[in-house]
Amino acid sequence: MSGKRAQAATHSEALPQKPLTASVPLAAATDRARSMRIFATALLVAMAGLFLLARHFAGTHPAWGYALAFAEAAMVGGLADWFAVTALFRRPLGLPIPHTAIIPEKKDRIAETMAAFLQANFLIPAVVARRMKGMNLALAAGNFLAEPKGGQSRIRAGASELFAEILESLDPERLGTQVKAGLKGQLDKLEVSPLLGRMLAAAIADKRHLPLIESGLRWAGLTLEANEDLVREMIHSRANALLRLTGFDERLANSVLDGLYKLIAECIVDPEHPLRRKVEEGLHELARDLAEDPAMRAKVEAIKRDLIDNPAIGDWWQGVWERLRLSLIETARNPDAALAGQLGGALSELGKALRDDPVLQRQVNRFARRIAVGVATRYGSQIVQLVSETVKRWDARTVTDRLENAVGRDLQFIRVNGTLVGGLVGLLIHFVESFG
């Protein structure tokens, strides 16, 4: 066990220790409250010393009477305020005096009061709308984003770094599988056939199919020219002996090839050629069948499912996604990358628009006000309940320490003021008695 503890201690020492910056303000407030408490107590002790000294020399000079009155009243005021301040947080001297240790004893009531105050003054929709009416959030955001080396640069750098870290932290294989599964699920829900039918119909209506037909005709002509010998061989092999003997098979092959070349050329030159019309009619019919024919739609869906379920398609998509992920990480890590520049430019343009366009400012401010009012309306009670339950879950010592650290220095000033004011009142009373 000792070996494990030593190893754990060594490991904890090796880990980088983060500075506790969040606790610095709290520690500073605690130190200031403690210093002020010591000063107030020292002042009270000094008044007690002055009281003893003035009482000892009371008959030697009239001034000692004033000092005695001042010290006596100062001790009374200081002790009274010490009791009042102490009674807020704990029982003075540990004595079970009624109505002391108010904050620890009334912790739940304080939590409910805080929650009610928060809801009554901040989370009522009318209050939220009134407070936000005079705020120009859009202008503030525009000034923040429009500064090249200010807000938008920090947002751009932070967003790029966060994006890269998220992509790096995720398991590439698992993420690719999830993306692939999500894509497959979406494609399963998507009915492709009507979509293809509408796309084809729109292309035909806009005459975008004509270049495809002409390209197909030219491709057919080039293919025929490249395979002319094969066509002649096919005609020769299918001709009978009489045709081959008389040489008509070669003339037949030439006639067939010439006819095909002529047909293709006429189709290319004449947009109203009957063959082209037949092709267009076929495309119209195909578009209609894709959109309306159940049998055609079923065939297309079957082809789609076969493609989706094909392992080769899945492996291909996995590789595409991994290359895309690595490219995005590299782009985000590079401060001069196009992604950073585009994001920075977009943020800058957004900031300038928010800063310079009053109409856009009004729209954004109105939207923000509606969001805030909606949050207050829907979640106001949950927010105050969260505050109340959080304070109720704190133990009494935690509540006492936090409140005392927050206002302790000011409360110790009350003790100091009580001591001094009490002494001045005692001095005034003695002065009146002396001339009464």
Protein backbone atom coordinates (compact mmCIF):
# COMPACT_ATOMS: atom_id res chain seq x y z
CA MET A 1 0.00 0.00 0.00
CA SER A 2 2.82 2.42 0.85
CA GLY A 3 4.40 1.76 -2.56
CA LYS A 4 1.13 2.58 -4.32
CA ARG A 5 0.75 5.75 -2.29
CA ALA A 6 4.29 6.82 -3.12
CA GLN A 7 3.69 6.09 -6.78
CA ALA A 8 0.43 8.06 -6.74
CA ALA A 9 2.16 10.96 -4.99
CA THR A 10 4.95 10.93 -7.56
CA HIS A 11 2.41 10.85 -10.38
CA SER A 12 0.44 13.75 -8.91
CA GLU A 13 3.64 15.79 -8.53
CA ALA A 14 4.46 15.12 -12.19
CA LEU A 15 1.13 16.46 -13.37
CA PRO A 16 1.08 20.16 -14.27
CA GLN A 17 -0.52 22.17 -11.51
CA LYS A 18 -3.01 24.76 -12.71
CA PRO A 19 -2.99 28.09 -10.90
CA LEU A 20 -6.06 28.56 -8.75
CA THR A 21 -6.92 31.90 -10.26
CA ALA A 22 -10.62 31.53 -9.44
CA SER A 23 -9.89 31.44 -5.67
CA VAL A 24 -7.68 34.56 -5.64
CA PRO A 25 -10.55 37.10 -5.31
CA LEU A 26 -12.16 35.00 -2.57
CA ALA A 27 -8.87 34.71 -0.67
CA ALA A 28 -8.24 38.45 -1.02
CA ALA A 29 -11.74 39.24 0.30
CA THR A 30 -11.16 36.89 3.24
CA ASP A 31 -7.85 38.58 4.07
CA ARG A 32 -9.39 42.05 3.92
CA ALA A 33 -12.27 41.01 6.16
CA ARG A 34 -9.86 39.44 8.67
CA SER A 35 -7.67 42.55 8.72
CA MET A 36 -10.67 44.77 9.30
CA ARG A 37 -11.93 42.48 12.08
CA ILE A 38 -8.56 42.69 13.82
CA PHE A 39 -8.58 46.48 13.50
CA ALA A 40 -12.13 46.79 14.93
CA THR A 41 -11.25 44.51 17.84
CA ALA A 42 -8.00 46.38 18.49
CA LEU A 43 -9.95 49.66 18.54
CA LEU A 44 -12.35 48.21 21.11
CA VAL A 45 -9.44 47.03 23.24
CA ALA A 46 -7.85 50.47 22.94
CA MET A 47 -11.09 52.06 24.20
CA ALA A 48 -11.05 49.69 27.16
CA GLY A 49 -7.47 50.70 27.92
CA LEU A 50 -8.36 54.37 27.61
CA PHE A 51 -11.31 53.80 29.97
CA LEU A 52 -9.06 52.27 32.64
CA LEU A 53 -6.47 55.00 32.25
CA ALA A 54 -9.03 57.85 32.35
CA ARG A 55 -10.75 56.35 35.38
CA HIS A 56 -7.42 56.14 37.22
CA PHE A 57 -6.62 59.82 36.58
CA ALA A 58 -10.22 61.07 36.69
CA GLY A 59 -9.68 63.50 39.62
CA THR A 60 -6.45 65.06 38.46
CA HIS A 61 -7.77 67.15 35.54
CA PRO A 62 -11.22 67.87 33.97
CA ALA A 63 -10.01 66.58 30.59
CA TRP A 64 -9.82 63.09 32.00
CA GLY A 65 -13.57 63.22 32.56
CA TYR A 66 -14.13 63.83 28.86
CA ALA A 67 -11.75 60.99 28.01
CA LEU A 68 -13.56 58.71 30.46
CA ALA A 69 -16.98 59.56 28.95
CA PHE A 70 -15.66 59.05 25.44
CA ALA A 71 -14.07 55.67 26.24
CA GLU A 72 -17.08 54.42 28.21
CA ALA A 73 -19.59 55.26 25.46
CA ALA A 74 -17.21 53.94 22.77
CA MET A 75 -16.98 50.57 24.55
CA VAL A 76 -20.76 50.36 24.79
CA GLY A 77 -21.21 51.22 21.09
CA GLY A 78 -18.41 48.89 19.99
CA LEU A 79 -19.67 45.97 22.09
CA ALA A 80 -23.25 46.51 20.92
CA ASP A 81 -22.21 46.53 17.26
CA TRP A 82 -19.88 43.55 17.82
CA PHE A 83 -22.83 41.63 19.24
CA ALA A 84 -25.07 42.68 16.34
CA VAL A 85 -22.51 41.76 13.67
CA THR A 86 -21.57 38.48 15.32
CA ALA A 87 -25.20 37.50 15.85
CA LEU A 88 -25.74 37.57 12.08
CA PHE A 89 -23.29 34.71 11.49
CA ARG A 90 -22.88 32.82 14.77
CA ARG A 91 -23.78 32.75 18.44
CA PRO A 92 -21.74 35.33 20.41
CA LEU A 93 -19.31 33.53 22.72
CA GLY A 94 -21.16 30.32 21.87
CA LEU A 95 -24.07 31.25 24.14
CA PRO A 96 -27.58 30.07 23.06
CA ILE A 97 -28.99 33.58 22.99
CA PRO A 98 -32.32 33.88 21.13
CA HIS A 99 -32.28 35.50 17.69
CA THR A 100 -28.57 34.94 17.12
CA ALA A 101 -26.80 32.97 14.35
CA ILE A 102 -29.50 34.36 12.09
CA ILE A 103 -27.98 33.40 8.73
CA PRO A 104 -27.23 29.73 9.58
CA GLU A 105 -30.62 29.28 11.25
CA LYS A 106 -32.62 31.01 8.52
CA LYS A 107 -30.67 29.62 5.56
CA ASP A 108 -33.70 28.12 3.81
CA ARG A 109 -35.74 31.28 4.25
CA ILE A 110 -32.85 33.33 2.85
CA ALA A 111 -32.71 31.02 -0.18
CA GLU A 112 -36.43 31.44 -0.81
CA THR A 113 -36.15 35.21 -0.36
CA MET A 114 -33.26 35.40 -2.81
CA ALA A 115 -35.18 33.35 -5.35
CA ALA A 116 -38.31 35.49 -4.91
CA PHE A 117 -36.24 38.68 -5.26
CA LEU A 118 -34.58 37.36 -8.42
CA GLN A 119 -37.90 36.40 -9.97
CA ALA A 120 -39.68 39.61 -8.96
CA ASN A 121 -36.95 41.97 -10.16
CA PHE A 122 -35.28 40.18 -13.05
CA LEU A 123 -37.25 37.23 -14.46
CA ILE A 124 -40.72 38.68 -14.95
CA PRO A 125 -41.31 38.98 -18.74
CA ALA A 126 -42.39 42.63 -18.47
CA VAL A 127 -39.29 43.49 -16.43
CA VAL A 128 -37.00 41.66 -18.86
CA ALA A 129 -38.58 43.41 -21.85
CA ARG A 130 -38.32 46.83 -20.16
CA ARG A 131 -34.68 46.34 -19.16
CA MET A 132 -33.68 45.11 -22.62
CA LYS A 133 -35.60 47.82 -24.44
CA GLY A 134 -32.86 50.35 -23.78
CA MET A 135 -30.01 47.95 -24.62
CA ASN A 136 -28.48 47.87 -28.08
CA LEU A 137 -27.03 44.37 -28.07
CA ALA A 138 -26.65 44.33 -31.85
CA LEU A 139 -24.45 47.44 -31.85
CA ALA A 140 -22.27 46.04 -29.05
CA ALA A 141 -21.89 42.75 -30.89
CA GLY A 142 -21.13 44.59 -34.13
CA ASN A 143 -18.37 46.68 -32.55
CA PHE A 144 -16.95 43.53 -30.98
CA LEU A 145 -16.90 41.56 -34.24
CA ALA A 146 -15.84 44.37 -36.56
CA GLU A 147 -12.55 44.93 -34.74
CA PRO A 148 -9.95 43.00 -36.84
CA LYS A 149 -7.64 42.28 -33.92
CA GLY A 150 -10.32 42.19 -31.28
CA GLY A 151 -13.40 40.08 -30.85
CA GLN A 152 -13.69 38.34 -34.20
CA SER A 153 -10.05 37.25 -34.18
CA ARG A 154 -10.48 35.67 -30.76
CA ILE A 155 -13.71 34.01 -31.83
CA ARG A 156 -12.10 32.76 -35.04
CA ALA A 157 -9.08 31.36 -33.24
CA GLY A 158 -11.19 29.81 -30.51
CA ALA A 159 -13.68 28.31 -32.94
CA SER A 160 -10.93 26.86 -35.14
CA GLU A 161 -9.10 25.37 -32.16
CA LEU A 162 -12.30 23.95 -30.69
CA PHE A 163 -13.30 22.49 -34.05
CA ALA A 164 -9.90 20.82 -34.49
CA GLU A 165 -9.88 19.42 -30.96
CA ILE A 166 -13.37 17.98 -31.37
CA LEU A 167 -12.39 16.23 -34.61
CA GLU A 168 -9.18 14.91 -33.05
CA SER A 169 -10.85 13.67 -29.88
CA LEU A 170 -13.42 11.57 -31.72
CA ASP A 171 -12.64 8.00 -32.74
CA PRO A 172 -12.14 8.20 -36.55
CA GLU A 173 -13.43 4.70 -37.29
CA ARG A 174 -16.40 4.98 -34.97
CA LEU A 175 -17.21 8.48 -36.19
CA GLY A 176 -16.97 7.39 -39.83
CA THR A 177 -19.23 4.43 -39.08
CA GLN A 178 -21.76 6.70 -37.39
CA VAL A 179 -21.68 9.18 -40.24
CA LYS A 180 -22.05 6.34 -42.73
CA ALA A 181 -24.96 4.89 -40.76
CA GLY A 182 -26.60 8.31 -40.57
CA LEU A 183 -26.15 8.86 -44.29
CA LYS A 184 -27.54 5.41 -45.02
CA GLY A 185 -30.54 6.07 -42.80
CA GLN A 186 -31.28 9.35 -44.54
CA LEU A 187 -30.95 7.74 -47.98
CA ASP A 188 -33.27 4.95 -46.89
CA LYS A 189 -35.90 7.55 -45.99
CA LEU A 190 -35.40 9.44 -49.25
CA GLU A 191 -37.44 8.21 -52.20
CA VAL A 192 -35.09 8.77 -55.12
CA SER A 193 -37.37 7.97 -58.05
CA PRO A 194 -39.76 10.98 -57.82
CA LEU A 195 -36.81 13.26 -57.21
CA LEU A 196 -35.05 11.98 -60.34
CA GLY A 197 -38.28 12.31 -62.29
CA ARG A 198 -38.75 15.95 -61.28
CA MET A 199 -35.11 16.75 -62.00
CA LEU A 200 -35.35 15.18 -65.46
CA ALA A 201 -38.63 16.97 -66.23
CA ALA A 202 -37.15 20.32 -65.15
CA ALA A 203 -34.06 19.71 -67.31
CA ILE A 204 -36.21 18.90 -70.34
CA ALA A 205 -38.38 21.98 -69.76
CA ASP A 206 -35.27 24.20 -69.65
CA LYS A 207 -33.78 22.51 -72.77
CA ARG A 208 -30.78 21.36 -70.77
CA HIS A 209 -31.10 17.88 -72.27
CA LEU A 210 -30.26 19.03 -75.79
CA PRO A 211 -26.48 19.29 -75.25
CA LEU A 212 -26.57 15.78 -73.81
CA ILE A 213 -28.36 14.44 -76.89
CA GLU A 214 -25.88 16.12 -79.22
CA SER A 215 -22.98 14.79 -77.20
CA GLY A 216 -24.50 11.34 -77.37
CA LEU A 217 -24.86 11.57 -81.14
CA ARG A 218 -21.26 12.70 -81.58
CA TRP A 219 -20.12 9.93 -79.29
CA ALA A 220 -22.09 7.45 -81.40
CA GLY A 221 -20.44 8.75 -84.60
CA LEU A 222 -16.94 8.50 -83.11
CA THR A 223 -17.69 5.03 -81.77
CA LEU A 224 -18.97 3.87 -85.16
CA GLU A 225 -15.87 5.26 -86.85
CA ALA A 226 -13.58 3.57 -84.37
CA ASN A 227 -15.36 0.21 -84.81
CA GLU A 228 -15.99 0.36 -88.58
CA ASP A 229 -13.92 -2.76 -89.23
CA LEU A 230 -15.89 -4.66 -86.63
CA VAL A 231 -19.18 -3.67 -88.31
CA ARG A 232 -17.89 -4.78 -91.72
CA GLU A 233 -16.75 -8.09 -90.25
CA MET A 234 -20.17 -8.67 -88.71
CA ILE A 235 -21.90 -8.03 -92.08
CA HIS A 236 -19.46 -10.25 -93.95
CA SER A 237 -19.91 -13.08 -91.48
CA ARG A 238 -23.69 -12.95 -91.71
CA ALA A 239 -23.84 -12.72 -95.55
CA ASN A 240 -24.55 -15.91 -97.48
CA ALA A 241 -22.11 -17.48 -99.90
CA LEU A 242 -23.79 -15.99 -102.96
CA LEU A 243 -23.36 -12.45 -101.67
CA ARG A 244 -19.77 -13.07 -100.75
CA LEU A 245 -19.12 -14.63 -104.17
CA THR A 246 -20.59 -11.70 -106.06
CA GLY A 247 -19.01 -9.07 -103.73
CA PHE A 248 -22.35 -7.65 -102.66
CA ASP A 249 -21.46 -8.13 -98.98
CA GLU A 250 -18.86 -5.36 -99.21
CA ARG A 251 -21.31 -3.06 -100.98
CA LEU A 252 -23.89 -3.91 -98.31
CA ALA A 253 -21.42 -3.07 -95.55
CA ASN A 254 -20.58 0.25 -97.22
CA SER A 255 -24.27 1.04 -97.60
CA VAL A 256 -24.99 0.25 -93.97
CA LEU A 257 -22.10 2.38 -92.73
CA ASP A 258 -22.95 5.25 -95.03
CA GLY A 259 -26.57 5.11 -93.90
CA LEU A 260 -25.56 5.17 -90.24
CA TYR A 261 -23.16 8.09 -90.76
CA LYS A 262 -25.84 10.00 -92.66
CA LEU A 263 -28.45 9.33 -89.97
CA ILE A 264 -26.15 10.55 -87.19
CA ALA A 265 -25.17 13.66 -89.17
CA GLU A 266 -28.79 14.53 -89.92
CA CYS A 267 -29.74 14.12 -86.27
CA ILE A 268 -26.91 16.44 -85.23
CA VAL A 269 -27.74 19.10 -87.80
CA ASP A 270 -31.57 18.96 -87.68
CA PRO A 271 -33.07 19.69 -84.24
CA GLU A 272 -36.47 18.51 -85.52
CA HIS A 273 -35.24 15.14 -86.79
CA PRO A 274 -37.75 12.33 -86.08
CA LEU A 275 -35.10 10.29 -84.27
CA ARG A 276 -34.38 13.16 -81.91
CA ARG A 277 -38.09 13.56 -81.31
CA LYS A 278 -38.28 9.87 -80.45
CA VAL A 279 -35.43 10.33 -77.97
CA GLU A 280 -37.15 13.35 -76.39
CA GLU A 281 -40.44 11.43 -76.19
CA GLY A 282 -38.58 8.64 -74.46
CA LEU A 283 -37.07 11.07 -71.96
CA HIS A 284 -40.51 12.60 -71.24
CA GLU A 285 -41.93 9.13 -70.70
CA LEU A 286 -39.01 8.20 -68.44
CA ALA A 287 -39.52 11.33 -66.32
CA ARG A 288 -43.22 10.58 -66.00
CA ASP A 289 -42.61 6.94 -65.08
CA LEU A 290 -40.02 7.89 -62.47
CA ALA A 291 -42.50 10.22 -60.82
CA GLU A 292 -45.74 8.26 -61.22
CA ASP A 293 -45.21 4.61 -62.20
CA PRO A 294 -45.11 2.36 -59.10
CA ALA A 295 -43.19 -0.37 -60.95
CA MET A 296 -40.49 2.06 -62.08
CA ARG A 297 -40.25 3.56 -58.61
CA ALA A 298 -39.86 0.12 -57.09
CA LYS A 299 -37.05 -0.72 -59.52
CA VAL A 300 -35.20 2.52 -58.73
CA GLU A 301 -35.60 1.95 -54.98
CA ALA A 302 -34.24 -1.58 -55.36
CA ILE A 303 -31.19 -0.25 -57.22
CA LYS A 304 -30.69 2.39 -54.51
CA ARG A 305 -30.82 -0.20 -51.72
CA ASP A 306 -28.37 -2.45 -53.57
CA LEU A 307 -25.94 0.44 -53.88
CA ILE A 308 -26.32 1.43 -50.22
CA ASP A 309 -25.80 -2.13 -49.00
CA ASN A 310 -22.77 -2.68 -51.19
CA PRO A 311 -19.66 -2.99 -48.92
CA ALA A 312 -17.50 -1.34 -51.55
CA ILE A 313 -19.62 1.82 -51.34
CA GLY A 314 -19.26 1.78 -47.54
CA ASP A 315 -15.47 1.41 -47.73
CA TRP A 316 -15.29 4.19 -50.29
CA TRP A 317 -17.31 6.52 -48.07
CA GLN A 318 -15.16 5.62 -45.04
CA GLY A 319 -12.04 6.68 -46.95
CA VAL A 320 -13.66 9.87 -48.17
CA TRP A 321 -14.73 10.81 -44.65
CA GLU A 322 -11.28 10.14 -43.16
CA ARG A 323 -9.58 12.28 -45.80
CA LEU A 324 -12.13 15.00 -45.20
CA ARG A 325 -11.61 14.84 -41.42
CA LEU A 326 -7.81 15.10 -41.69
CA SER A 327 -8.12 17.95 -44.17
CA LEU A 328 -10.47 19.84 -41.84
CA ILE A 329 -8.10 19.35 -38.88
CA GLU A 330 -5.14 20.61 -40.90
CA THR A 331 -7.12 23.59 -42.12
CA ALA A 332 -8.33 24.51 -38.64
CA ARG A 333 -4.82 24.20 -37.17
CA ASN A 334 -3.35 26.50 -39.79
CA PRO A 335 -3.94 30.14 -38.71
CA ASP A 336 -3.50 31.35 -42.30
CA ALA A 337 -5.78 28.72 -43.82
CA ALA A 338 -8.68 29.52 -46.04
CA LEU A 339 -11.17 28.36 -43.40
CA ALA A 340 -9.79 30.84 -40.84
CA GLY A 341 -9.73 33.62 -43.43
CA GLN A 342 -13.25 32.92 -44.60
CA LEU A 343 -14.54 32.68 -41.03
CA GLY A 344 -12.76 35.91 -40.09
CA GLY A 345 -14.10 37.67 -43.17
CA ALA A 346 -17.61 36.47 -42.47
CA LEU A 347 -17.43 37.61 -38.83
CA SER A 348 -16.03 40.98 -39.87
CA GLU A 349 -18.77 41.49 -42.45
CA LEU A 350 -21.39 40.49 -39.88
CA GLY A 351 -19.93 42.95 -37.37
CA LYS A 352 -19.92 45.81 -39.88
CA ALA A 353 -23.51 45.05 -40.86
CA LEU A 354 -24.61 45.04 -37.22
CA ARG A 355 -22.68 48.22 -36.52
CA ASP A 356 -23.75 50.28 -39.54
CA ASP A 357 -27.31 49.11 -40.28
CA PRO A 358 -29.92 50.55 -37.88
CA VAL A 359 -32.69 48.45 -39.40
CA LEU A 360 -30.72 45.26 -38.82
CA GLN A 361 -29.94 46.42 -35.28
CA ARG A 362 -33.61 46.86 -34.51
CA GLN A 363 -34.42 43.43 -35.91
CA VAL A 364 -31.63 41.70 -33.96
CA ASN A 365 -32.47 43.57 -30.75
CA ARG A 366 -36.12 42.68 -31.16
CA PHE A 367 -35.20 39.04 -31.71
CA ALA A 368 -32.90 39.03 -28.66
CA ARG A 369 -35.60 40.67 -26.55
CA ARG A 370 -38.13 38.06 -27.62
CA ILE A 371 -35.67 35.27 -26.81
CA ALA A 372 -34.98 36.71 -23.35
CA VAL A 373 -38.68 37.24 -22.65
CA GLY A 374 -39.40 33.71 -23.85
CA VAL A 375 -36.71 32.29 -21.57
CA ALA A 376 -38.08 34.27 -18.62
CA THR A 377 -41.62 33.12 -19.39
CA ARG A 378 -40.83 29.45 -19.88
CA TYR A 379 -37.92 28.89 -17.56
CA GLY A 380 -38.09 31.72 -15.01
CA SER A 381 -39.57 29.52 -12.29
CA GLN A 382 -37.03 26.77 -12.99
CA ILE A 383 -34.17 29.27 -12.76
CA VAL A 384 -35.25 30.68 -9.40
CA GLN A 385 -35.96 27.17 -8.17
CA LEU A 386 -32.42 26.21 -9.13
CA VAL A 387 -31.07 29.18 -7.15
CA SER A 388 -33.21 28.32 -4.14
CA GLU A 389 -32.36 24.62 -4.16
CA THR A 390 -28.64 25.35 -4.65
CA VAL A 391 -28.53 27.64 -1.60
CA LYS A 392 -30.60 25.18 0.43
CA ARG A 393 -28.16 22.39 -0.39
CA TRP A 394 -25.26 24.42 0.99
CA ASP A 395 -24.42 23.61 4.58
CA ALA A 396 -24.78 26.40 7.12
CA ARG A 397 -21.01 26.87 7.41
CA THR A 398 -20.67 27.38 3.64
CA VAL A 399 -23.44 30.00 3.55
CA THR A 400 -22.00 31.78 6.56
CA ASP A 401 -18.45 31.85 5.20
CA ARG A 402 -19.50 33.05 1.75
CA LEU A 403 -21.69 35.85 3.02
CA GLU A 404 -19.22 36.89 5.67
CA ASN A 405 -16.39 37.01 3.13
CA ALA A 406 -18.58 39.02 0.76
CA VAL A 407 -19.72 41.70 3.26
CA GLY A 408 -17.49 41.03 6.26
CA ARG A 409 -15.22 44.05 5.71
CA ASP A 410 -18.18 46.42 5.57
CA LEU A 411 -19.68 44.86 8.68
CA GLN A 412 -16.41 45.40 10.53
CA PHE A 413 -16.60 49.05 9.47
CA ILE A 414 -19.94 49.11 11.29
CA ARG A 415 -18.12 48.04 14.45
CA VAL A 416 -15.51 50.76 13.97
CA ASN A 417 -18.17 53.38 13.29
CA GLY A 418 -20.21 52.18 16.26
CA THR A 419 -17.19 52.54 18.53
CA LEU A 420 -16.34 56.04 17.28
CA VAL A 421 -19.93 57.30 17.09
CA GLY A 422 -20.68 55.91 20.53
CA GLY A 423 -17.62 57.69 21.92
CA LEU A 424 -18.65 60.99 20.32
CA VAL A 425 -22.17 60.66 21.74
CA GLY A 426 -20.73 59.98 25.19
CA LEU A 427 -18.48 62.99 24.82
CA LEU A 428 -21.46 65.17 23.87
CA ILE A 429 -23.51 63.94 26.82
CA HIS A 430 -20.63 64.66 29.24
CA PHE A 431 -20.23 68.10 27.73
CA VAL A 432 -23.94 68.88 28.28
CA GLU A 433 -23.78 67.56 31.86
CA SER A 434 -20.73 69.70 32.60
CA PHE A 435 -22.58 72.91 31.70
CA GLY A 436 -26.01 71.81 32.93
